[in-house]
N, C-alpha and C. Protein backbone atom coordinates (compact mmCIF):
# COMPACT_ATOMS: atom_id res chain seq x y z
N UNK A 1 60.79 66.24 121.93
CA UNK A 1 60.18 65.45 122.99
C UNK A 1 61.30 64.81 123.82
N UNK A 2 61.32 65.13 125.10
CA UNK A 2 62.37 64.65 126.00
C UNK A 2 62.34 63.14 126.16
N UNK A 3 61.16 62.57 126.15
CA UNK A 3 61.03 61.11 126.29
C UNK A 3 61.69 60.40 125.10
N UNK A 4 61.51 60.94 123.91
CA UNK A 4 62.13 60.34 122.72
C UNK A 4 63.65 60.44 122.79
N UNK A 5 64.15 61.58 123.27
CA UNK A 5 65.59 61.74 123.42
C UNK A 5 66.14 60.74 124.44
N UNK A 6 65.43 60.56 125.54
CA UNK A 6 65.85 59.59 126.55
C UNK A 6 65.86 58.17 125.97
N UNK A 7 64.85 57.83 125.19
CA UNK A 7 64.80 56.51 124.55
C UNK A 7 65.95 56.32 123.56
N UNK A 8 66.25 57.37 122.79
CA UNK A 8 67.36 57.31 121.84
C UNK A 8 68.67 57.03 122.56
N UNK A 9 68.92 57.75 123.65
CA UNK A 9 70.16 57.57 124.41
C UNK A 9 70.22 56.17 125.01
N UNK A 10 69.11 55.70 125.53
CA UNK A 10 69.07 54.36 126.11
C UNK A 10 69.39 53.29 125.06
N UNK A 11 68.81 53.41 123.88
CA UNK A 11 69.08 52.44 122.81
C UNK A 11 70.54 52.52 122.36
N UNK A 12 71.05 53.73 122.23
CA UNK A 12 72.45 53.90 121.82
C UNK A 12 73.38 53.23 122.82
N UNK A 13 73.13 53.41 124.09
CA UNK A 13 73.96 52.77 125.12
C UNK A 13 73.80 51.26 125.08
N UNK A 14 72.60 50.80 124.84
CA UNK A 14 72.32 49.37 124.82
C UNK A 14 73.09 48.66 123.71
N UNK A 15 73.20 49.33 122.54
CA UNK A 15 73.94 48.73 121.42
C UNK A 15 75.40 49.19 121.40
N UNK A 16 75.82 49.85 122.48
CA UNK A 16 77.21 50.27 122.67
C UNK A 16 77.69 51.28 121.61
N UNK A 17 76.82 52.22 121.30
CA UNK A 17 77.16 53.33 120.40
C UNK A 17 77.25 54.59 121.25
N UNK A 18 78.39 55.28 121.26
CA UNK A 18 78.50 56.50 122.06
C UNK A 18 77.51 57.56 121.58
N UNK A 19 76.88 58.20 122.52
CA UNK A 19 75.94 59.28 122.21
C UNK A 19 76.19 60.42 123.20
N UNK A 20 77.45 60.80 123.30
CA UNK A 20 77.82 61.79 124.34
C UNK A 20 77.15 63.14 124.13
N UNK A 21 77.09 63.63 122.90
CA UNK A 21 76.46 64.93 122.66
C UNK A 21 74.98 64.90 123.03
N UNK A 22 74.31 63.82 122.65
CA UNK A 22 72.89 63.69 122.97
C UNK A 22 72.70 63.55 124.48
N UNK A 23 73.56 62.76 125.12
CA UNK A 23 73.46 62.58 126.57
C UNK A 23 73.70 63.88 127.32
N UNK A 24 74.70 64.65 126.87
CA UNK A 24 74.98 65.93 127.51
C UNK A 24 73.84 66.92 127.28
N UNK A 25 73.27 66.91 126.09
CA UNK A 25 72.13 67.79 125.80
C UNK A 25 70.95 67.42 126.70
N UNK A 26 70.71 66.13 126.86
CA UNK A 26 69.62 65.66 127.72
C UNK A 26 69.84 66.13 129.16
N UNK A 27 71.06 65.92 129.68
CA UNK A 27 71.37 66.34 131.05
C UNK A 27 71.20 67.85 131.22
N UNK A 28 71.62 68.62 130.22
CA UNK A 28 71.51 70.08 130.27
C UNK A 28 70.04 70.51 130.33
N UNK A 29 69.21 69.91 129.50
CA UNK A 29 67.78 70.25 129.50
C UNK A 29 67.14 69.89 130.83
N UNK A 30 67.47 68.71 131.36
CA UNK A 30 66.92 68.28 132.65
C UNK A 30 67.34 69.26 133.75
N UNK A 31 68.60 69.67 133.73
CA UNK A 31 69.10 70.61 134.75
C UNK A 31 68.37 71.95 134.65
N UNK A 32 68.18 72.46 133.43
CA UNK A 32 67.49 73.74 133.25
C UNK A 32 66.03 73.68 133.70
N UNK A 33 65.40 72.54 133.49
CA UNK A 33 63.99 72.39 133.84
C UNK A 33 63.77 72.10 135.32
N UNK A 34 64.83 71.76 136.02
CA UNK A 34 64.72 71.39 137.43
C UNK A 34 64.61 72.63 138.32
N UNK A 35 63.70 72.61 139.31
CA UNK A 35 63.61 73.75 140.23
C UNK A 35 64.81 73.82 141.17
N UNK A 36 65.56 72.73 141.29
CA UNK A 36 66.73 72.67 142.16
C UNK A 36 67.97 72.47 141.29
N UNK A 37 68.92 73.38 141.39
CA UNK A 37 70.16 73.27 140.62
C UNK A 37 71.14 72.38 141.38
N UNK A 38 71.10 71.10 141.10
CA UNK A 38 71.93 70.13 141.80
C UNK A 38 73.40 70.47 141.67
N UNK A 39 73.84 70.86 140.48
CA UNK A 39 75.25 71.17 140.28
C UNK A 39 75.68 72.35 141.14
N UNK A 40 74.79 73.31 141.36
CA UNK A 40 75.11 74.44 142.22
C UNK A 40 75.23 73.99 143.67
N UNK A 41 74.41 73.04 144.09
CA UNK A 41 74.50 72.52 145.45
C UNK A 41 75.81 71.78 145.66
N UNK A 42 76.21 70.97 144.70
CA UNK A 42 77.48 70.24 144.80
C UNK A 42 78.63 71.23 144.88
N UNK A 43 78.60 72.25 144.06
CA UNK A 43 79.65 73.27 144.07
C UNK A 43 79.73 73.98 145.42
N UNK A 44 78.59 74.31 146.00
CA UNK A 44 78.56 74.97 147.31
C UNK A 44 79.14 74.07 148.40
N UNK A 45 78.81 72.78 148.35
CA UNK A 45 79.35 71.85 149.34
C UNK A 45 80.85 71.67 149.18
N UNK A 46 81.35 71.67 147.96
CA UNK A 46 82.79 71.58 147.74
C UNK A 46 83.50 72.82 148.28
N UNK A 47 82.93 73.99 148.03
CA UNK A 47 83.53 75.22 148.58
C UNK A 47 83.55 75.17 150.10
N UNK A 48 82.47 74.69 150.69
CA UNK A 48 82.40 74.59 152.15
C UNK A 48 83.46 73.63 152.67
N UNK A 49 83.63 72.50 152.01
CA UNK A 49 84.60 71.49 152.45
C UNK A 49 86.02 72.04 152.40
N UNK A 50 86.38 72.71 151.33
CA UNK A 50 87.76 73.14 151.15
C UNK A 50 88.06 74.50 151.76
N UNK A 51 87.05 75.27 152.12
CA UNK A 51 87.36 76.58 152.64
C UNK A 51 86.38 77.13 153.65
N UNK A 52 85.49 76.30 154.16
CA UNK A 52 84.52 76.71 155.18
C UNK A 52 83.72 77.93 154.74
N UNK A 53 83.23 77.91 153.52
CA UNK A 53 82.45 79.04 153.01
C UNK A 53 80.99 79.02 153.44
N UNK A 54 80.47 77.88 153.78
CA UNK A 54 79.07 77.77 154.15
C UNK A 54 78.19 77.51 152.95
N UNK A 55 76.94 77.15 153.23
CA UNK A 55 75.99 76.83 152.17
C UNK A 55 74.58 77.05 152.68
N UNK A 56 73.65 77.16 151.75
CA UNK A 56 72.24 77.31 152.08
C UNK A 56 71.56 75.96 151.92
N UNK A 57 70.47 75.76 152.63
CA UNK A 57 69.72 74.51 152.53
C UNK A 57 68.32 74.80 152.00
N UNK A 58 67.78 73.83 151.29
CA UNK A 58 66.42 73.94 150.80
C UNK A 58 65.44 73.50 151.87
N UNK A 59 64.21 73.96 151.75
CA UNK A 59 63.18 73.62 152.74
C UNK A 59 62.84 72.14 152.72
N UNK A 60 62.94 71.49 151.59
CA UNK A 60 62.61 70.07 151.51
C UNK A 60 62.86 69.52 150.12
N UNK A 61 62.67 68.22 149.97
CA UNK A 61 62.90 67.57 148.69
C UNK A 61 61.97 68.10 147.60
N UNK A 62 60.75 68.43 147.97
CA UNK A 62 59.77 68.91 147.00
C UNK A 62 59.60 70.42 147.03
N UNK A 63 60.42 71.09 147.84
CA UNK A 63 60.31 72.55 147.99
C UNK A 63 61.66 73.16 147.68
N UNK A 64 61.78 73.88 146.58
CA UNK A 64 63.06 74.41 146.14
C UNK A 64 63.40 75.77 146.75
N UNK A 65 62.61 76.22 147.73
CA UNK A 65 62.92 77.49 148.39
C UNK A 65 64.02 77.30 149.42
N UNK A 66 64.84 78.33 149.59
CA UNK A 66 65.93 78.30 150.57
C UNK A 66 65.34 78.50 151.96
N UNK A 67 65.91 77.79 152.94
CA UNK A 67 65.44 77.91 154.33
C UNK A 67 65.68 79.33 154.84
N UNK A 68 64.69 79.88 155.52
CA UNK A 68 64.81 81.22 156.10
C UNK A 68 64.41 81.18 157.56
N UNK A 69 64.87 82.19 158.29
CA UNK A 69 64.48 82.31 159.70
C UNK A 69 63.08 82.90 159.79
N UNK A 70 62.56 82.99 161.00
CA UNK A 70 61.23 83.59 161.19
C UNK A 70 61.21 85.05 160.76
N UNK A 71 62.40 85.68 160.81
CA UNK A 71 62.51 87.09 160.41
C UNK A 71 62.67 87.24 158.90
N UNK A 72 62.77 86.13 158.18
CA UNK A 72 62.90 86.18 156.73
C UNK A 72 64.33 86.18 156.22
N UNK A 73 65.31 86.06 157.12
CA UNK A 73 66.71 86.03 156.70
C UNK A 73 67.08 84.62 156.24
N UNK A 74 67.90 84.54 155.20
CA UNK A 74 68.36 83.24 154.70
C UNK A 74 69.30 82.61 155.73
N UNK A 75 69.05 81.33 156.03
CA UNK A 75 69.88 80.60 156.99
C UNK A 75 71.07 79.97 156.26
N UNK A 76 72.27 80.13 156.84
CA UNK A 76 73.49 79.58 156.25
C UNK A 76 74.09 78.54 157.18
N UNK A 77 74.64 77.47 156.60
CA UNK A 77 75.16 76.36 157.39
C UNK A 77 76.60 76.04 157.00
N UNK A 78 77.28 75.35 157.90
CA UNK A 78 78.63 74.84 157.65
C UNK A 78 78.73 73.46 158.28
N UNK A 79 79.39 72.54 157.58
CA UNK A 79 79.62 71.19 158.10
C UNK A 79 81.07 71.08 158.53
N UNK A 80 81.30 70.51 159.71
CA UNK A 80 82.66 70.24 160.19
C UNK A 80 83.11 68.94 159.53
N UNK A 81 83.62 69.03 158.33
CA UNK A 81 83.92 67.87 157.50
C UNK A 81 85.00 66.97 158.09
N UNK A 82 85.93 67.51 158.86
CA UNK A 82 87.04 66.71 159.36
C UNK A 82 86.71 65.94 160.63
N UNK A 83 85.60 66.24 161.26
CA UNK A 83 85.19 65.50 162.45
C UNK A 83 84.44 64.24 162.03
N UNK A 84 84.60 63.14 162.78
CA UNK A 84 83.98 61.87 162.38
C UNK A 84 82.46 61.95 162.22
N UNK A 85 81.79 62.69 163.07
CA UNK A 85 80.32 62.76 162.99
C UNK A 85 79.85 63.75 161.93
N UNK A 86 80.77 64.58 161.44
CA UNK A 86 80.46 65.65 160.48
C UNK A 86 79.28 66.50 160.94
N UNK A 87 79.40 67.10 162.12
CA UNK A 87 78.27 67.91 162.61
C UNK A 87 78.06 69.14 161.73
N UNK A 88 76.81 69.50 161.61
CA UNK A 88 76.42 70.67 160.82
C UNK A 88 76.01 71.76 161.79
N UNK A 89 76.48 72.98 161.55
CA UNK A 89 76.09 74.08 162.42
C UNK A 89 75.62 75.25 161.58
N UNK A 90 74.76 76.03 162.18
CA UNK A 90 74.26 77.22 161.51
C UNK A 90 75.23 78.35 161.79
N UNK A 91 75.56 79.12 160.75
CA UNK A 91 76.50 80.23 160.93
C UNK A 91 75.83 81.55 160.64
């Protein structure tokens, strides 16, 4: 039960007992169960920042599908990280 694991980790932290293995297991399960792979998004943004590789965007916070054009092609974006406004453009 994920709720019990979360409670265990919370209590361990509260009494200052390290529970790193349990915490990592909890994070891993949450990531696997999530429709959006947050770690993959962070990785894509880092690649874009350091090498202008581009990234895909999701349709919305509650919609884990990648944005597509009217023709069904996946839309790819790049952020101009070094400019003060950090404009985003479609590539």
